[in-house]
Amino acid sequence: MFSKVICIFAFASVVAAYHGHGFSSQYISRHDGHAHPVAVHGHGYDHGHGHHYDYYAYPKYEFEYKVEDPHTGDHKTQHEHRDGDVVKGFYSLHEPDGSVRHVHYHGDKHTGFHADVKHSTHHIVPHHKYHY
């Protein structure tokens, strides 16, 4: 997931630089803990010695990014937080039809992944000048 965020940010930065009108930002905070040895049994690693040790660090991170490009109409934002097996996040983006998709999501190993998706529309009122 971390590499996807970096790729999206890099692509958005290139697009923004090319058009000269866009804005993008990112925030990433990793909370790396100390790696703890974990015994792995029966996975072909033990070579007859009974067990193998692998190392596991508690997964914890938070990231956010935002792209606003009025020239192309590309407007999106995302924020995600993970603490162990629990992931919570939000993203929004402007659809081609003018609506905005808002998605709040969460997932954990007990209940799986759930997303609440809503669409909002912005009504555009044309301004007409009449000359008599």
N, C-alpha and C. Protein backbone atom coordinates (compact mmCIF):
# COMPACT_ATOMS: atom_id res chain seq x y z
N MET A 1 0.83 -1.18 0.00
CA MET A 1 0.00 0.00 0.00
C MET A 1 0.88 1.25 0.00
N PHE A 2 1.97 1.21 0.75
CA PHE A 2 2.86 2.37 0.82
C PHE A 2 3.41 2.71 -0.56
N SER A 3 3.80 1.70 -1.33
CA SER A 3 4.35 1.96 -2.67
C SER A 3 3.28 2.52 -3.60
N LYS A 4 2.02 2.10 -3.43
CA LYS A 4 0.93 2.65 -4.25
C LYS A 4 0.76 4.14 -3.99
N VAL A 5 0.84 4.51 -2.72
CA VAL A 5 0.69 5.92 -2.36
C VAL A 5 1.80 6.75 -2.98
N ILE A 6 3.01 6.26 -2.92
CA ILE A 6 4.14 6.98 -3.50
C ILE A 6 3.95 7.11 -5.01
N CYS A 7 3.51 6.03 -5.68
CA CYS A 7 3.28 6.09 -7.13
C CYS A 7 2.20 7.09 -7.50
N ILE A 8 1.11 7.09 -6.74
CA ILE A 8 0.02 8.04 -7.01
C ILE A 8 0.52 9.46 -6.80
N PHE A 9 1.26 9.69 -5.74
CA PHE A 9 1.78 11.03 -5.48
C PHE A 9 2.74 11.46 -6.59
N ALA A 10 3.60 10.56 -7.03
CA ALA A 10 4.55 10.91 -8.09
C ALA A 10 3.82 11.24 -9.37
N PHE A 11 2.81 10.45 -9.73
CA PHE A 11 2.03 10.72 -10.94
C PHE A 11 1.31 12.06 -10.83
N ALA A 12 0.70 12.33 -9.68
CA ALA A 12 -0.01 13.60 -9.50
C ALA A 12 0.95 14.78 -9.58
N SER A 13 2.14 14.62 -9.05
CA SER A 13 3.13 15.70 -9.10
C SER A 13 3.56 15.99 -10.53
N VAL A 14 3.76 14.94 -11.33
CA VAL A 14 4.15 15.12 -12.72
C VAL A 14 3.03 15.81 -13.49
N VAL A 15 1.80 15.37 -13.29
CA VAL A 15 0.66 15.99 -13.98
C VAL A 15 0.54 17.46 -13.57
N ALA A 16 0.67 17.74 -12.29
CA ALA A 16 0.57 19.12 -11.82
C ALA A 16 1.69 19.98 -12.39
N ALA A 17 2.90 19.45 -12.44
CA ALA A 17 4.03 20.21 -12.97
C ALA A 17 3.86 20.47 -14.47
N TYR A 18 3.31 19.51 -15.18
CA TYR A 18 3.13 19.64 -16.63
C TYR A 18 2.14 20.76 -16.94
N HIS A 19 1.05 20.83 -16.20
CA HIS A 19 0.03 21.83 -16.47
C HIS A 19 0.33 23.17 -15.79
N GLY A 20 1.14 23.15 -14.77
CA GLY A 20 1.53 24.37 -14.10
C GLY A 20 0.45 25.02 -13.24
N HIS A 21 -0.70 24.38 -13.09
CA HIS A 21 -1.78 25.00 -12.33
C HIS A 21 -2.21 24.17 -11.14
N GLY A 22 -1.67 23.01 -10.99
CA GLY A 22 -2.16 22.08 -9.98
C GLY A 22 -1.46 22.22 -8.65
N PHE A 23 -2.03 21.55 -7.68
CA PHE A 23 -1.49 21.53 -6.34
C PHE A 23 -1.62 20.11 -5.80
N SER A 24 -0.59 19.62 -5.18
CA SER A 24 -0.68 18.33 -4.53
C SER A 24 0.17 18.37 -3.27
N SER A 25 -0.22 17.54 -2.31
CA SER A 25 0.55 17.45 -1.07
C SER A 25 0.43 16.04 -0.54
N GLN A 26 1.33 15.69 0.35
CA GLN A 26 1.28 14.38 0.98
C GLN A 26 1.82 14.47 2.39
N TYR A 27 1.39 13.53 3.21
CA TYR A 27 1.86 13.41 4.57
C TYR A 27 1.91 11.92 4.88
N ILE A 28 3.05 11.44 5.33
CA ILE A 28 3.20 10.04 5.70
C ILE A 28 3.88 9.98 7.05
N SER A 29 3.31 9.22 7.96
CA SER A 29 3.89 9.05 9.27
C SER A 29 3.96 7.56 9.57
N ARG A 30 5.15 7.03 9.66
CA ARG A 30 5.34 5.62 10.00
C ARG A 30 5.71 5.53 11.46
N HIS A 31 5.16 4.54 12.11
CA HIS A 31 5.45 4.32 13.53
C HIS A 31 6.07 2.95 13.67
N ASP A 32 7.27 2.81 13.16
CA ASP A 32 7.93 1.50 13.20
C ASP A 32 8.34 1.16 14.62
N GLY A 33 7.90 0.00 15.06
CA GLY A 33 8.33 -0.50 16.36
C GLY A 33 9.52 -1.41 16.19
N HIS A 34 9.95 -1.98 17.29
CA HIS A 34 11.06 -2.93 17.24
C HIS A 34 10.56 -4.25 16.69
N ALA A 35 11.36 -4.90 15.87
CA ALA A 35 10.99 -6.20 15.33
C ALA A 35 11.12 -7.26 16.41
N HIS A 36 10.15 -8.15 16.47
CA HIS A 36 10.14 -9.23 17.46
C HIS A 36 10.25 -10.56 16.73
N PRO A 37 11.06 -11.48 17.26
CA PRO A 37 11.15 -12.79 16.61
C PRO A 37 9.85 -13.57 16.78
N VAL A 38 9.44 -14.25 15.71
CA VAL A 38 8.24 -15.08 15.72
C VAL A 38 8.62 -16.45 15.20
N ALA A 39 8.29 -17.49 15.93
CA ALA A 39 8.61 -18.85 15.50
C ALA A 39 7.65 -19.28 14.40
N VAL A 40 8.20 -19.81 13.32
CA VAL A 40 7.40 -20.29 12.19
C VAL A 40 7.62 -21.79 12.12
N HIS A 41 6.54 -22.57 12.26
CA HIS A 41 6.64 -24.03 12.27
C HIS A 41 6.04 -24.61 11.00
N GLY A 42 6.67 -25.64 10.45
CA GLY A 42 6.10 -26.43 9.37
C GLY A 42 5.93 -25.71 8.05
N HIS A 43 6.74 -24.75 7.76
CA HIS A 43 6.63 -24.04 6.49
C HIS A 43 7.84 -24.28 5.59
N GLY A 44 8.54 -25.38 5.81
CA GLY A 44 9.67 -25.72 4.95
C GLY A 44 10.95 -24.98 5.30
N TYR A 45 10.90 -24.18 6.36
CA TYR A 45 12.08 -23.39 6.74
C TYR A 45 12.96 -24.10 7.76
N ASP A 46 12.39 -25.07 8.45
CA ASP A 46 13.09 -25.59 9.62
C ASP A 46 14.21 -26.58 9.28
N HIS A 47 14.22 -27.22 8.13
CA HIS A 47 15.28 -28.15 7.71
C HIS A 47 15.56 -29.19 8.78
N GLY A 48 14.49 -29.67 9.43
CA GLY A 48 14.64 -30.72 10.43
C GLY A 48 15.02 -30.21 11.81
N HIS A 49 15.12 -28.92 12.02
CA HIS A 49 15.51 -28.38 13.32
C HIS A 49 14.31 -27.99 14.17
N GLY A 50 13.10 -28.16 13.68
CA GLY A 50 11.92 -27.90 14.50
C GLY A 50 11.26 -26.55 14.28
N HIS A 51 12.03 -25.52 14.02
CA HIS A 51 11.40 -24.21 13.81
C HIS A 51 12.37 -23.22 13.16
N HIS A 52 11.81 -22.15 12.71
CA HIS A 52 12.56 -21.07 12.09
C HIS A 52 12.04 -19.77 12.68
N TYR A 53 12.91 -18.80 12.84
CA TYR A 53 12.47 -17.51 13.35
C TYR A 53 12.40 -16.49 12.23
N ASP A 54 11.28 -15.79 12.19
CA ASP A 54 11.10 -14.66 11.28
C ASP A 54 10.93 -13.44 12.17
N TYR A 55 10.96 -12.27 11.62
CA TYR A 55 10.83 -11.07 12.42
C TYR A 55 9.61 -10.28 11.99
N TYR A 56 8.90 -9.78 12.96
CA TYR A 56 7.64 -9.10 12.75
C TYR A 56 7.64 -7.80 13.54
N ALA A 57 7.36 -6.70 12.86
CA ALA A 57 7.21 -5.41 13.53
C ALA A 57 5.73 -5.04 13.50
N TYR A 58 5.25 -4.49 14.57
CA TYR A 58 3.85 -4.10 14.68
C TYR A 58 3.52 -3.08 13.60
N PRO A 59 2.51 -3.35 12.75
CA PRO A 59 2.19 -2.42 11.66
C PRO A 59 1.39 -1.21 12.17
N LYS A 60 1.96 -0.03 11.96
CA LYS A 60 1.28 1.20 12.37
C LYS A 60 1.77 2.32 11.46
N TYR A 61 0.82 2.98 10.79
CA TYR A 61 1.17 4.10 9.92
C TYR A 61 -0.03 5.00 9.74
N GLU A 62 0.23 6.15 9.15
CA GLU A 62 -0.81 7.10 8.79
C GLU A 62 -0.32 7.86 7.57
N PHE A 63 -1.20 8.08 6.59
CA PHE A 63 -0.80 8.87 5.44
C PHE A 63 -1.98 9.69 4.95
N GLU A 64 -1.65 10.71 4.19
CA GLU A 64 -2.66 11.59 3.63
C GLU A 64 -2.09 12.19 2.35
N TYR A 65 -2.93 12.36 1.35
CA TYR A 65 -2.51 13.09 0.16
C TYR A 65 -3.68 13.86 -0.40
N LYS A 66 -3.36 14.86 -1.20
CA LYS A 66 -4.38 15.72 -1.78
C LYS A 66 -3.90 16.23 -3.13
N VAL A 67 -4.80 16.25 -4.10
CA VAL A 67 -4.51 16.78 -5.43
C VAL A 67 -5.63 17.75 -5.79
N GLU A 68 -5.27 18.93 -6.21
CA GLU A 68 -6.24 19.91 -6.70
C GLU A 68 -5.68 20.54 -7.97
N ASP A 69 -6.31 20.24 -9.08
CA ASP A 69 -5.87 20.78 -10.36
C ASP A 69 -7.08 21.35 -11.10
N PRO A 70 -7.30 22.65 -11.01
CA PRO A 70 -8.46 23.25 -11.66
C PRO A 70 -8.39 23.17 -13.18
N HIS A 71 -7.20 23.07 -13.73
CA HIS A 71 -7.04 23.01 -15.19
C HIS A 71 -7.62 21.70 -15.75
N THR A 72 -7.33 20.58 -15.08
CA THR A 72 -7.81 19.29 -15.55
C THR A 72 -9.10 18.85 -14.84
N GLY A 73 -9.43 19.53 -13.75
CA GLY A 73 -10.61 19.13 -12.97
C GLY A 73 -10.34 17.98 -12.03
N ASP A 74 -9.08 17.65 -11.83
CA ASP A 74 -8.71 16.54 -10.95
C ASP A 74 -8.65 17.05 -9.51
N HIS A 75 -9.59 16.59 -8.69
CA HIS A 75 -9.65 16.96 -7.27
C HIS A 75 -9.88 15.68 -6.48
N LYS A 76 -8.95 15.37 -5.59
CA LYS A 76 -9.09 14.16 -4.78
C LYS A 76 -8.29 14.31 -3.49
N THR A 77 -8.69 13.55 -2.50
CA THR A 77 -7.99 13.53 -1.23
C THR A 77 -8.17 12.16 -0.59
N GLN A 78 -7.19 11.74 0.20
CA GLN A 78 -7.28 10.48 0.92
C GLN A 78 -6.52 10.59 2.23
N HIS A 79 -7.07 9.92 3.24
CA HIS A 79 -6.42 9.81 4.54
C HIS A 79 -6.64 8.39 5.03
N GLU A 80 -5.56 7.74 5.50
CA GLU A 80 -5.68 6.37 6.00
C GLU A 80 -4.81 6.22 7.22
N HIS A 81 -5.29 5.39 8.16
CA HIS A 81 -4.58 5.13 9.41
C HIS A 81 -4.66 3.64 9.70
N ARG A 82 -3.53 3.04 10.02
CA ARG A 82 -3.50 1.63 10.41
C ARG A 82 -2.84 1.49 11.76
N ASP A 83 -3.46 0.68 12.60
CA ASP A 83 -2.91 0.37 13.91
C ASP A 83 -3.13 -1.12 14.13
N GLY A 84 -2.09 -1.91 13.89
CA GLY A 84 -2.21 -3.36 13.99
C GLY A 84 -3.04 -3.92 12.85
N ASP A 85 -4.10 -4.64 13.19
CA ASP A 85 -4.96 -5.23 12.17
C ASP A 85 -6.14 -4.34 11.80
N VAL A 86 -6.21 -3.14 12.32
CA VAL A 86 -7.34 -2.24 12.06
C VAL A 86 -6.90 -1.12 11.12
N VAL A 87 -7.62 -0.99 10.00
CA VAL A 87 -7.36 0.06 9.03
C VAL A 87 -8.62 0.91 8.90
N LYS A 88 -8.46 2.23 8.98
CA LYS A 88 -9.57 3.16 8.81
C LYS A 88 -9.14 4.23 7.84
N GLY A 89 -10.07 4.67 6.99
CA GLY A 89 -9.69 5.69 6.04
C GLY A 89 -10.87 6.39 5.41
N PHE A 90 -10.53 7.37 4.60
CA PHE A 90 -11.49 8.19 3.90
C PHE A 90 -10.86 8.64 2.59
N TYR A 91 -11.65 8.69 1.53
CA TYR A 91 -11.19 9.36 0.32
C TYR A 91 -12.36 10.01 -0.37
N SER A 92 -12.07 11.03 -1.14
CA SER A 92 -13.09 11.68 -1.95
C SER A 92 -12.47 12.06 -3.28
N LEU A 93 -13.32 12.10 -4.30
CA LEU A 93 -12.85 12.52 -5.61
C LEU A 93 -14.02 13.10 -6.39
N HIS A 94 -13.69 14.01 -7.29
CA HIS A 94 -14.68 14.63 -8.16
C HIS A 94 -14.88 13.74 -9.37
N GLU A 95 -16.13 13.36 -9.61
CA GLU A 95 -16.49 12.52 -10.75
C GLU A 95 -16.65 13.39 -12.00
N PRO A 96 -16.55 12.78 -13.19
CA PRO A 96 -16.71 13.56 -14.43
C PRO A 96 -18.09 14.23 -14.57
N ASP A 97 -19.13 13.67 -13.92
CA ASP A 97 -20.46 14.26 -14.02
C ASP A 97 -20.68 15.44 -13.07
N GLY A 98 -19.65 15.82 -12.31
CA GLY A 98 -19.74 16.95 -11.39
C GLY A 98 -20.05 16.56 -9.96
N SER A 99 -20.41 15.31 -9.73
CA SER A 99 -20.68 14.88 -8.35
C SER A 99 -19.35 14.58 -7.65
N VAL A 100 -19.42 14.47 -6.34
CA VAL A 100 -18.25 14.15 -5.54
C VAL A 100 -18.53 12.84 -4.81
N ARG A 101 -17.62 11.87 -4.97
CA ARG A 101 -17.74 10.59 -4.27
C ARG A 101 -16.99 10.70 -2.95
N HIS A 102 -17.67 10.35 -1.85
CA HIS A 102 -17.08 10.33 -0.51
C HIS A 102 -17.13 8.89 -0.01
N VAL A 103 -15.99 8.35 0.38
CA VAL A 103 -15.93 6.96 0.85
C VAL A 103 -15.22 6.92 2.20
N HIS A 104 -15.93 6.41 3.20
CA HIS A 104 -15.34 6.13 4.51
C HIS A 104 -15.23 4.61 4.60
N TYR A 105 -14.06 4.10 4.97
CA TYR A 105 -13.87 2.65 5.01
C TYR A 105 -13.13 2.24 6.26
N HIS A 106 -13.31 0.99 6.62
CA HIS A 106 -12.56 0.39 7.72
C HIS A 106 -12.49 -1.11 7.49
N GLY A 107 -11.48 -1.71 8.07
CA GLY A 107 -11.32 -3.14 7.96
C GLY A 107 -10.51 -3.68 9.12
N ASP A 108 -10.83 -4.90 9.49
CA ASP A 108 -10.04 -5.60 10.49
C ASP A 108 -10.19 -7.10 10.25
N LYS A 109 -9.43 -7.90 10.96
CA LYS A 109 -9.43 -9.34 10.68
C LYS A 109 -10.69 -10.04 11.19
N HIS A 110 -11.48 -9.39 12.02
CA HIS A 110 -12.69 -10.02 12.55
C HIS A 110 -13.92 -9.73 11.71
N THR A 111 -14.06 -8.50 11.20
CA THR A 111 -15.27 -8.13 10.47
C THR A 111 -15.04 -7.93 8.98
N GLY A 112 -13.80 -7.94 8.52
CA GLY A 112 -13.50 -7.75 7.11
C GLY A 112 -13.50 -6.29 6.72
N PHE A 113 -13.69 -6.04 5.44
CA PHE A 113 -13.63 -4.68 4.89
C PHE A 113 -15.05 -4.14 4.69
N HIS A 114 -15.28 -2.90 5.10
CA HIS A 114 -16.57 -2.25 4.93
C HIS A 114 -16.34 -0.83 4.43
N ALA A 115 -17.19 -0.41 3.49
CA ALA A 115 -17.08 0.94 2.96
C ALA A 115 -18.46 1.58 2.90
N ASP A 116 -18.53 2.84 3.26
CA ASP A 116 -19.75 3.64 3.16
C ASP A 116 -19.51 4.66 2.05
N VAL A 117 -20.22 4.51 0.94
CA VAL A 117 -20.01 5.36 -0.24
C VAL A 117 -21.19 6.30 -0.39
N LYS A 118 -20.91 7.58 -0.52
CA LYS A 118 -21.96 8.58 -0.74
C LYS A 118 -21.54 9.48 -1.89
N HIS A 119 -22.53 9.96 -2.61
CA HIS A 119 -22.30 10.90 -3.70
C HIS A 119 -23.02 12.19 -3.39
N SER A 120 -22.35 13.30 -3.61
CA SER A 120 -23.00 14.59 -3.45
C SER A 120 -22.90 15.32 -4.78
N THR A 121 -23.89 16.14 -5.04
CA THR A 121 -23.89 16.91 -6.28
C THR A 121 -23.86 18.38 -5.95
N HIS A 122 -23.23 19.12 -6.80
CA HIS A 122 -23.17 20.56 -6.68
C HIS A 122 -24.00 21.13 -7.81
N HIS A 123 -25.03 21.86 -7.45
CA HIS A 123 -25.89 22.45 -8.47
C HIS A 123 -25.27 23.74 -8.97
N ILE A 124 -25.13 23.83 -10.25
CA ILE A 124 -24.55 25.02 -10.86
C ILE A 124 -25.69 25.85 -11.41
N VAL A 125 -25.78 27.08 -10.92
CA VAL A 125 -26.82 27.99 -11.38
C VAL A 125 -26.18 28.95 -12.36
N PRO A 126 -26.59 28.86 -13.63
CA PRO A 126 -25.98 29.76 -14.62
C PRO A 126 -26.42 31.20 -14.38
N HIS A 127 -25.50 32.10 -14.61
CA HIS A 127 -25.77 33.52 -14.44
C HIS A 127 -25.91 34.12 -15.85
N HIS A 128 -27.10 34.65 -16.13
CA HIS A 128 -27.35 35.21 -17.45
C HIS A 128 -27.50 36.71 -17.33
N LYS A 129 -26.92 37.40 -18.26
CA LYS A 129 -27.09 38.84 -18.35
C LYS A 129 -28.03 39.13 -19.50
N TYR A 130 -29.06 39.85 -19.22
CA TYR A 130 -30.00 40.22 -20.27
C TYR A 130 -29.85 41.69 -20.57
N HIS A 131 -29.74 42.02 -21.80
CA HIS A 131 -29.65 43.42 -22.22
C HIS A 131 -30.92 43.76 -23.00
N TYR A 132 -31.59 44.80 -22.57
CA TYR A 132 -32.81 45.23 -23.26
C TYR A 132 -32.55 46.50 -23.99
